[in-house]
Amino acid sequence: MSKLNWEVKLGIFLIAVTCTIYSAKFIILQNPQDTVNYIFNSMGFLPINVLLVTIVLNKLLAIRSKREKFEKLNMVIGTFFSEAGNHLIKDISQNDPNLENIKNELIISNEWNDEDFEKVRKKLSSHDYDVNIDKIEIEALNGFLFSKREFLLRLLENPVLLEHESFTELLRAIFHLAEELKCRDDLSCLPKSDYMHLQGDIKRVYGTLIFQWLDYMKHLNKHYPYLFSLEMRTNPFDLNSSPVVEK
């Protein structure tokens, strides 16, 4: 109601100013015909003004707002990979028996373009994302996810992420895996059937994680080469990667 009252007051004020200006013009110049013609000319241009303000200007503002949200979103995603995502990729992918089929494809170069990323994405779509549950250190994974719980919760509270369904789905899969592990008293002596169930949860995280990582690398490669350089020097798929810049 207060906002409406403010708008009404502003409207009355502007109308009063307009009436004052036209009255002054009429009194000083004493040319009512020109004044009336000017009023009608202004009213004739009014629909175009409305078109420019409500459609064109609003569209430009919406595009700018979307771009700003996209940048903020990628900052959040970058923080996720720095704090948790790269660690999860490294731990899980090392236990993928079919990793050799895709590992070389994920050693990304700064010379890549959109077509190169799309080719890799298509190849990743056919990958099995299998994991050897017997080689995964379940207790260590549980401890890591527990240590990152508060960080992941803060990510979920970020309103920017509500517009990114695939990344929200990734967080949901990670939280589900964390809950599954937390609910078990002893992870070292579970039946085979339960290990297979956990394997399915890990595979879900693994597959979603790689696609999000690839999309984030595409963004960095295109817009932030210096950030992309560091990511490639710490590439979780490259066993020889090192943050140290060599000649």
C-alpha atoms as a PDB file:
ATOM      1  CA  MET A   1       0.000   0.000   0.000  1.00  0.00           C
ATOM      2  CA  SER A   2       2.855   2.393   0.828  1.00  0.00           C
ATOM      3  CA  LYS A   3       4.383   1.691  -2.582  1.00  0.00           C
ATOM      4  CA  LEU A   4       1.043   2.407  -4.282  1.00  0.00           C
ATOM      5  CA  ASN A   5       0.658   5.674  -2.355  1.00  0.00           C
ATOM      6  CA  TRP A   6       4.157   6.726  -3.409  1.00  0.00           C
ATOM      7  CA  GLU A   7       3.350   6.015  -7.046  1.00  0.00           C
ATOM      8  CA  VAL A   8       0.050   7.892  -6.856  1.00  0.00           C
ATOM      9  CA  LYS A   9       1.759  10.910  -5.303  1.00  0.00           C
ATOM     10  CA  LEU A  10       4.452  10.854  -7.987  1.00  0.00           C
ATOM     11  CA  GLY A  11       1.794  10.629 -10.721  1.00  0.00           C
ATOM     12  CA  ILE A  12      -0.136  13.581  -9.304  1.00  0.00           C
ATOM     13  CA  PHE A  13       3.056  15.609  -9.011  1.00  0.00           C
ATOM     14  CA  LEU A  14       4.113  14.927 -12.609  1.00  0.00           C
ATOM     15  CA  ILE A  15       0.644  15.734 -13.946  1.00  0.00           C
ATOM     16  CA  ALA A  16       0.680  18.973 -11.978  1.00  0.00           C
ATOM     17  CA  VAL A  17       4.079  19.899 -13.406  1.00  0.00           C
ATOM     18  CA  THR A  18       2.837  19.198 -16.931  1.00  0.00           C
ATOM     19  CA  CYS A  19      -0.273  21.327 -16.413  1.00  0.00           C
ATOM     20  CA  THR A  20       1.854  24.132 -14.981  1.00  0.00           C
ATOM     21  CA  ILE A  21       4.221  24.104 -17.954  1.00  0.00           C
ATOM     22  CA  TYR A  22       1.423  24.126 -20.522  1.00  0.00           C
ATOM     23  CA  SER A  23      -0.464  26.854 -18.612  1.00  0.00           C
ATOM     24  CA  ALA A  24       2.670  28.989 -18.470  1.00  0.00           C
ATOM     25  CA  LYS A  25       3.203  28.454 -22.195  1.00  0.00           C
ATOM     26  CA  PHE A  26      -0.390  29.451 -22.907  1.00  0.00           C
ATOM     27  CA  ILE A  27      -0.234  32.579 -20.701  1.00  0.00           C
ATOM     28  CA  ILE A  28       3.189  33.781 -21.832  1.00  0.00           C
ATOM     29  CA  LEU A  29       2.977  33.013 -25.546  1.00  0.00           C
ATOM     30  CA  GLN A  30      -0.796  33.413 -25.808  1.00  0.00           C
ATOM     31  CA  ASN A  31      -0.950  30.927 -28.655  1.00  0.00           C
ATOM     32  CA  PRO A  32      -3.528  28.282 -27.701  1.00  0.00           C
ATOM     33  CA  GLN A  33      -3.555  26.670 -31.155  1.00  0.00           C
ATOM     34  CA  ASP A  34       0.144  25.826 -31.033  1.00  0.00           C
ATOM     35  CA  THR A  35      -0.222  24.594 -27.475  1.00  0.00           C
ATOM     36  CA  VAL A  36      -3.099  22.272 -28.403  1.00  0.00           C
ATOM     37  CA  ASN A  37      -1.196  21.017 -31.472  1.00  0.00           C
ATOM     38  CA  TYR A  38       1.853  20.305 -29.324  1.00  0.00           C
ATOM     39  CA  ILE A  39      -0.261  18.412 -26.806  1.00  0.00           C
ATOM     40  CA  PHE A  40      -1.754  16.213 -29.516  1.00  0.00           C
ATOM     41  CA  ASN A  41       1.656  15.649 -31.086  1.00  0.00           C
ATOM     42  CA  SER A  42       3.009  14.550 -27.725  1.00  0.00           C
ATOM     43  CA  MET A  43       0.045  12.229 -27.176  1.00  0.00           C
ATOM     44  CA  GLY A  44       0.600  10.745 -30.626  1.00  0.00           C
ATOM     45  CA  PHE A  45       4.194   9.879 -29.699  1.00  0.00           C
ATOM     46  CA  LEU A  46       3.148   8.504 -26.291  1.00  0.00           C
ATOM     47  CA  PRO A  47       2.452   4.903 -27.507  1.00  0.00           C
ATOM     48  CA  ILE A  48       5.953   4.768 -28.997  1.00  0.00           C
ATOM     49  CA  ASN A  49       7.376   5.933 -25.681  1.00  0.00           C
ATOM     50  CA  VAL A  50       5.452   3.189 -23.930  1.00  0.00           C
ATOM     51  CA  LEU A  51       6.740   0.663 -26.465  1.00  0.00           C
ATOM     52  CA  LEU A  52      10.355   1.744 -25.963  1.00  0.00           C
ATOM     53  CA  VAL A  53      10.148   1.755 -22.165  1.00  0.00           C
ATOM     54  CA  THR A  54       8.024  -1.307 -21.444  1.00  0.00           C
ATOM     55  CA  ILE A  55       9.292  -3.647 -24.146  1.00  0.00           C
ATOM     56  CA  VAL A  56      12.690  -2.630 -25.472  1.00  0.00           C
ATOM     57  CA  LEU A  57      14.149  -1.174 -22.275  1.00  0.00           C
ATOM     58  CA  ASN A  58      12.701  -3.908 -20.068  1.00  0.00           C
ATOM     59  CA  LYS A  59      14.082  -6.518 -22.458  1.00  0.00           C
ATOM     60  CA  LEU A  60      17.560  -5.009 -22.261  1.00  0.00           C
ATOM     61  CA  LEU A  61      17.364  -4.865 -18.468  1.00  0.00           C
ATOM     62  CA  ALA A  62      16.198  -8.493 -18.355  1.00  0.00           C
ATOM     63  CA  ILE A  63      19.127  -9.577 -20.550  1.00  0.00           C
ATOM     64  CA  ARG A  64      21.561  -7.704 -18.333  1.00  0.00           C
ATOM     65  CA  SER A  65      20.024  -9.175 -15.185  1.00  0.00           C
ATOM     66  CA  LYS A  66      20.217 -12.684 -16.650  1.00  0.00           C
ATOM     67  CA  ARG A  67      23.869 -12.182 -17.573  1.00  0.00           C
ATOM     68  CA  GLU A  68      24.686 -10.983 -14.058  1.00  0.00           C
ATOM     69  CA  LYS A  69      22.895 -13.987 -12.530  1.00  0.00           C
ATOM     70  CA  PHE A  70      24.783 -16.300 -14.865  1.00  0.00           C
ATOM     71  CA  GLU A  71      28.101 -14.834 -13.735  1.00  0.00           C
ATOM     72  CA  LYS A  72      27.151 -15.136 -10.060  1.00  0.00           C
ATOM     73  CA  LEU A  73      26.001 -18.702 -10.661  1.00  0.00           C
ATOM     74  CA  ASN A  74      29.314 -19.695 -12.202  1.00  0.00           C
ATOM     75  CA  MET A  75      31.152 -18.106  -9.285  1.00  0.00           C
ATOM     76  CA  VAL A  76      29.144 -20.349  -6.955  1.00  0.00           C
ATOM     77  CA  ILE A  77      29.819 -23.397  -9.134  1.00  0.00           C
ATOM     78  CA  GLY A  78      33.528 -22.554  -9.175  1.00  0.00           C
ATOM     79  CA  THR A  79      33.552 -22.406  -5.378  1.00  0.00           C
ATOM     80  CA  PHE A  80      31.838 -25.797  -5.262  1.00  0.00           C
ATOM     81  CA  PHE A  81      34.472 -27.461  -7.440  1.00  0.00           C
ATOM     82  CA  SER A  82      37.287 -25.802  -5.534  1.00  0.00           C
ATOM     83  CA  GLU A  83      35.936 -26.901  -2.151  1.00  0.00           C
ATOM     84  CA  ALA A  84      34.411 -30.298  -2.918  1.00  0.00           C
ATOM     85  CA  GLY A  85      33.747 -31.133  -6.573  1.00  0.00           C
ATOM     86  CA  ASN A  86      37.306 -31.714  -7.776  1.00  0.00           C
ATOM     87  CA  HIS A  87      38.030 -33.899  -4.749  1.00  0.00           C
ATOM     88  CA  LEU A  88      34.964 -36.042  -5.436  1.00  0.00           C
ATOM     89  CA  ILE A  89      35.843 -36.359  -9.123  1.00  0.00           C
ATOM     90  CA  LYS A  90      39.363 -37.491  -8.308  1.00  0.00           C
ATOM     91  CA  ASP A  91      38.320 -40.031  -5.688  1.00  0.00           C
ATOM     92  CA  ILE A  92      35.473 -41.540  -7.685  1.00  0.00           C
ATOM     93  CA  SER A  93      36.982 -41.475 -11.187  1.00  0.00           C
ATOM     94  CA  GLN A  94      40.097 -43.361 -10.039  1.00  0.00           C
ATOM     95  CA  ASN A  95      37.795 -46.296  -9.305  1.00  0.00           C
ATOM     96  CA  ASP A  96      36.072 -46.189 -12.689  1.00  0.00           C
ATOM     97  CA  PRO A  97      37.203 -49.330 -14.580  1.00  0.00           C
ATOM     98  CA  ASN A  98      36.362 -47.621 -17.872  1.00  0.00           C
ATOM     99  CA  LEU A  99      38.044 -44.297 -17.150  1.00  0.00           C
ATOM    100  CA  GLU A 100      40.637 -44.813 -19.891  1.00  0.00           C
ATOM    101  CA  ASN A 101      37.834 -44.510 -22.464  1.00  0.00           C
ATOM    102  CA  ILE A 102      37.175 -40.874 -21.567  1.00  0.00           C
ATOM    103  CA  LYS A 103      40.215 -39.647 -19.596  1.00  0.00           C
ATOM    104  CA  ASN A 104      42.134 -38.291 -22.573  1.00  0.00           C
ATOM    105  CA  GLU A 105      39.017 -36.494 -23.788  1.00  0.00           C
ATOM    106  CA  LEU A 106      38.903 -34.542 -20.536  1.00  0.00           C
ATOM    107  CA  ILE A 107      42.418 -33.119 -20.827  1.00  0.00           C
ATOM    108  CA  ILE A 108      41.082 -29.848 -22.164  1.00  0.00           C
ATOM    109  CA  SER A 109      43.137 -27.319 -24.125  1.00  0.00           C
ATOM    110  CA  ASN A 110      42.702 -23.557 -24.193  1.00  0.00           C
ATOM    111  CA  GLU A 111      42.385 -23.889 -27.970  1.00  0.00           C
ATOM    112  CA  TRP A 112      39.087 -25.722 -27.665  1.00  0.00           C
ATOM    113  CA  ASN A 113      35.946 -24.149 -29.103  1.00  0.00           C
ATOM    114  CA  ASP A 114      32.251 -24.882 -28.566  1.00  0.00           C
ATOM    115  CA  GLU A 115      32.315 -27.708 -31.107  1.00  0.00           C
ATOM    116  CA  ASP A 116      35.118 -29.484 -29.237  1.00  0.00           C
ATOM    117  CA  PHE A 117      33.191 -29.314 -25.983  1.00  0.00           C
ATOM    118  CA  GLU A 118      30.054 -30.574 -27.705  1.00  0.00           C
ATOM    119  CA  LYS A 119      31.922 -33.577 -29.160  1.00  0.00           C
ATOM    120  CA  VAL A 120      33.218 -34.526 -25.717  1.00  0.00           C
ATOM    121  CA  ARG A 121      29.768 -34.058 -24.216  1.00  0.00           C
ATOM    122  CA  LYS A 122      28.291 -36.489 -26.748  1.00  0.00           C
ATOM    123  CA  LYS A 123      30.974 -39.050 -25.973  1.00  0.00           C
ATOM    124  CA  LEU A 124      30.375 -38.673 -22.243  1.00  0.00           C
ATOM    125  CA  SER A 125      26.671 -39.314 -22.808  1.00  0.00           C
ATOM    126  CA  SER A 126      27.449 -42.892 -23.837  1.00  0.00           C
ATOM    127  CA  HIS A 127      29.880 -43.574 -20.984  1.00  0.00           C
ATOM    128  CA  ASP A 128      28.800 -46.141 -18.383  1.00  0.00           C
ATOM    129  CA  TYR A 129      30.073 -44.242 -15.303  1.00  0.00           C
ATOM    130  CA  ASP A 130      30.696 -47.486 -13.509  1.00  0.00           C
ATOM    131  CA  VAL A 131      32.574 -47.551 -10.195  1.00  0.00           C
ATOM    132  CA  ASN A 132      34.293 -50.391  -8.374  1.00  0.00           C
ATOM    133  CA  ILE A 133      32.701 -50.181  -4.940  1.00  0.00           C
ATOM    134  CA  ASP A 134      35.287 -52.583  -3.492  1.00  0.00           C
ATOM    135  CA  LYS A 135      38.106 -50.114  -4.161  1.00  0.00           C
ATOM    136  CA  ILE A 136      36.339 -46.998  -2.916  1.00  0.00           C
ATOM    137  CA  GLU A 137      37.209 -45.996   0.629  1.00  0.00           C
ATOM    138  CA  ILE A 138      33.633 -45.651   1.844  1.00  0.00           C
ATOM    139  CA  GLU A 139      34.530 -44.424   5.314  1.00  0.00           C
ATOM    140  CA  ALA A 140      36.857 -41.742   3.935  1.00  0.00           C
ATOM    141  CA  LEU A 141      34.140 -40.652   1.492  1.00  0.00           C
ATOM    142  CA  ASN A 142      31.651 -40.471   4.342  1.00  0.00           C
ATOM    143  CA  GLY A 143      34.064 -38.354   6.402  1.00  0.00           C
ATOM    144  CA  PHE A 144      34.700 -35.974   3.518  1.00  0.00           C
ATOM    145  CA  LEU A 145      31.002 -35.438   2.793  1.00  0.00           C
ATOM    146  CA  PHE A 146      30.304 -34.890   6.482  1.00  0.00           C
ATOM    147  CA  SER A 147      33.075 -32.261   6.667  1.00  0.00           C
ATOM    148  CA  LYS A 148      31.537 -30.406   3.703  1.00  0.00           C
ATOM    149  CA  ARG A 149      27.936 -30.597   4.890  1.00  0.00           C
ATOM    150  CA  GLU A 150      27.715 -26.980   6.114  1.00  0.00           C
ATOM    151  CA  PHE A 151      29.315 -25.708   2.921  1.00  0.00           C
ATOM    152  CA  LEU A 152      26.873 -27.665   0.741  1.00  0.00           C
ATOM    153  CA  LEU A 153      23.931 -26.458   2.822  1.00  0.00           C
ATOM    154  CA  ARG A 154      24.991 -22.853   2.247  1.00  0.00           C
ATOM    155  CA  LEU A 155      25.077 -23.544  -1.484  1.00  0.00           C
ATOM    156  CA  LEU A 156      21.485 -24.780  -1.364  1.00  0.00           C
ATOM    157  CA  GLU A 157      20.450 -21.589   0.413  1.00  0.00           C
ATOM    158  CA  ASN A 158      21.802 -19.492  -2.461  1.00  0.00           C
ATOM    159  CA  PRO A 159      18.765 -18.232  -4.460  1.00  0.00           C
ATOM    160  CA  VAL A 160      20.845 -18.015  -7.649  1.00  0.00           C
ATOM    161  CA  LEU A 161      21.009 -21.826  -7.816  1.00  0.00           C
ATOM    162  CA  LEU A 162      17.227 -22.135  -8.084  1.00  0.00           C
ATOM    163  CA  GLU A 163      17.507 -21.262 -11.777  1.00  0.00           C
ATOM    164  CA  HIS A 164      20.097 -23.975 -12.482  1.00  0.00           C
ATOM    165  CA  GLU A 165      18.227 -27.270 -12.399  1.00  0.00           C
ATOM    166  CA  SER A 166      21.129 -29.547 -13.364  1.00  0.00           C
ATOM    167  CA  PHE A 167      23.447 -28.197 -10.683  1.00  0.00           C
ATOM    168  CA  THR A 168      20.653 -28.375  -8.110  1.00  0.00           C
ATOM    169  CA  GLU A 169      20.168 -32.003  -9.144  1.00  0.00           C
ATOM    170  CA  LEU A 170      23.879 -32.615  -8.541  1.00  0.00           C
ATOM    171  CA  LEU A 171      23.642 -31.186  -5.012  1.00  0.00           C
ATOM    172  CA  ARG A 172      20.563 -33.308  -4.383  1.00  0.00           C
ATOM    173  CA  ALA A 173      22.434 -36.451  -5.473  1.00  0.00           C
ATOM    174  CA  ILE A 174      25.404 -35.570  -3.229  1.00  0.00           C
ATOM    175  CA  PHE A 175      23.159 -34.927  -0.233  1.00  0.00           C
ATOM    176  CA  HIS A 176      21.360 -38.221  -0.821  1.00  0.00           C
ATOM    177  CA  LEU A 177      24.663 -40.115  -0.891  1.00  0.00           C
ATOM    178  CA  ALA A 178      25.795 -38.311   2.266  1.00  0.00           C
ATOM    179  CA  GLU A 179      22.560 -39.245   4.038  1.00  0.00           C
ATOM    180  CA  GLU A 180      22.842 -42.869   2.930  1.00  0.00           C
ATOM    181  CA  LEU A 181      26.368 -43.107   4.350  1.00  0.00           C
ATOM    182  CA  LYS A 182      25.532 -41.255   7.556  1.00  0.00           C
ATOM    183  CA  CYS A 183      22.601 -43.557   8.359  1.00  0.00           C
ATOM    184  CA  ARG A 184      24.826 -46.649   8.557  1.00  0.00           C
ATOM    185  CA  ASP A 185      26.557 -47.351  11.859  1.00  0.00           C
ATOM    186  CA  ASP A 186      29.380 -49.444  10.404  1.00  0.00           C
ATOM    187  CA  LEU A 187      30.379 -49.005   6.765  1.00  0.00           C
ATOM    188  CA  SER A 188      33.064 -51.681   6.908  1.00  0.00           C
ATOM    189  CA  CYS A 189      30.801 -54.746   7.171  1.00  0.00           C
ATOM    190  CA  LEU A 190      27.752 -54.184   5.005  1.00  0.00           C
ATOM    191  CA  PRO A 191      26.088 -56.956   2.957  1.00  0.00           C
ATOM    192  CA  LYS A 192      26.878 -57.145  -0.735  1.00  0.00           C
ATOM    193  CA  SER A 193      23.390 -55.981  -1.650  1.00  0.00           C
ATOM    194  CA  ASP A 194      23.842 -52.793   0.388  1.00  0.00           C
ATOM    195  CA  TYR A 195      27.217 -52.080  -1.211  1.00  0.00           C
ATOM    196  CA  MET A 196      25.526 -52.394  -4.605  1.00  0.00           C
ATOM    197  CA  HIS A 197      22.919 -49.892  -3.477  1.00  0.00           C
ATOM    198  CA  LEU A 198      25.612 -47.425  -2.418  1.00  0.00           C
ATOM    199  CA  GLN A 199      27.394 -48.038  -5.699  1.00  0.00           C
ATOM    200  CA  GLY A 200      24.286 -46.835  -7.548  1.00  0.00           C
ATOM    201  CA  ASP A 201      24.205 -43.641  -5.452  1.00  0.00           C
ATOM    202  CA  ILE A 202      27.892 -42.998  -6.153  1.00  0.00           C
ATOM    203  CA  LYS A 203      27.407 -43.561  -9.887  1.00  0.00           C
ATOM    204  CA  ARG A 204      24.583 -41.012  -9.889  1.00  0.00           C
ATOM    205  CA  VAL A 205      26.858 -38.402  -8.312  1.00  0.00           C
ATOM    206  CA  TYR A 206      29.752 -39.322 -10.599  1.00  0.00           C
ATOM    207  CA  GLY A 207      27.857 -38.965 -13.884  1.00  0.00           C
ATOM    208  CA  THR A 208      26.177 -35.681 -12.959  1.00  0.00           C
ATOM    209  CA  LEU A 209      29.431 -34.304 -11.571  1.00  0.00           C
ATOM    210  CA  ILE A 210      31.413 -34.805 -14.774  1.00  0.00           C
ATOM    211  CA  PHE A 211      28.861 -33.013 -16.945  1.00  0.00           C
ATOM    212  CA  GLN A 212      28.763 -30.049 -14.578  1.00  0.00           C
ATOM    213  CA  TRP A 213      32.557 -29.947 -14.514  1.00  0.00           C
ATOM    214  CA  LEU A 214      32.715 -29.951 -18.314  1.00  0.00           C
ATOM    215  CA  ASP A 215      30.191 -27.101 -18.575  1.00  0.00           C
ATOM    216  CA  TYR A 216      32.125 -25.080 -16.032  1.00  0.00           C
ATOM    217  CA  MET A 217      35.406 -25.634 -17.911  1.00  0.00           C
ATOM    218  CA  LYS A 218      33.690 -24.458 -21.090  1.00  0.00           C
ATOM    219  CA  HIS A 219      32.626 -21.259 -19.348  1.00  0.00           C
ATOM    220  CA  LEU A 220      36.111 -20.582 -17.964  1.00  0.00           C
ATOM    221  CA  ASN A 221      37.809 -21.345 -21.264  1.00  0.00           C
ATOM    222  CA  LYS A 222      35.596 -18.818 -23.029  1.00  0.00           C
ATOM    223  CA  HIS A 223      35.475 -16.003 -20.482  1.00  0.00           C
ATOM    224  CA  TYR A 224      38.262 -16.410 -17.913  1.00  0.00           C
ATOM    225  CA  PRO A 225      41.464 -17.874 -19.414  1.00  0.00           C
ATOM    226  CA  TYR A 226      43.502 -17.252 -16.243  1.00  0.00           C
ATOM    227  CA  LEU A 227      41.050 -19.277 -14.135  1.00  0.00           C
ATOM    228  CA  PHE A 228      40.928 -21.944 -16.835  1.00  0.00           C
ATOM    229  CA  SER A 229      44.725 -22.196 -16.751  1.00  0.00           C
ATOM    230  CA  LEU A 230      44.714 -23.063 -13.050  1.00  0.00           C
ATOM    231  CA  GLU A 231      41.891 -25.568 -13.464  1.00  0.00           C
ATOM    232  CA  MET A 232      43.820 -27.381 -16.182  1.00  0.00           C
ATOM    233  CA  ARG A 233      46.980 -27.390 -14.076  1.00  0.00           C
ATOM    234  CA  THR A 234      44.946 -29.106 -11.332  1.00  0.00           C
ATOM    235  CA  ASN A 235      42.785 -31.199 -13.649  1.00  0.00           C
ATOM    236  CA  PRO A 236      41.390 -34.108 -11.564  1.00  0.00           C
ATOM    237  CA  PHE A 237      41.516 -36.379 -14.620  1.00  0.00           C
ATOM    238  CA  ASP A 238      45.188 -35.698 -15.285  1.00  0.00           C
ATOM    239  CA  LEU A 239      47.418 -37.740 -12.969  1.00  0.00           C
ATOM    240  CA  ASN A 240      50.416 -35.645 -14.043  1.00  0.00           C
ATOM    241  CA  SER A 241      48.766 -32.306 -13.349  1.00  0.00           C
ATOM    242  CA  SER A 242      50.572 -29.792 -11.138  1.00  0.00           C
ATOM    243  CA  PRO A 243      49.710 -26.211 -10.160  1.00  0.00           C
ATOM    244  CA  VAL A 244      53.366 -25.288 -10.698  1.00  0.00           C
ATOM    245  CA  VAL A 245      53.924 -23.560 -14.018  1.00  0.00           C
ATOM    246  CA  GLU A 246      56.702 -25.295 -15.945  1.00  0.00           C
ATOM    247  CA  LYS A 247      58.559 -23.974 -18.973  1.00  0.00           C
END
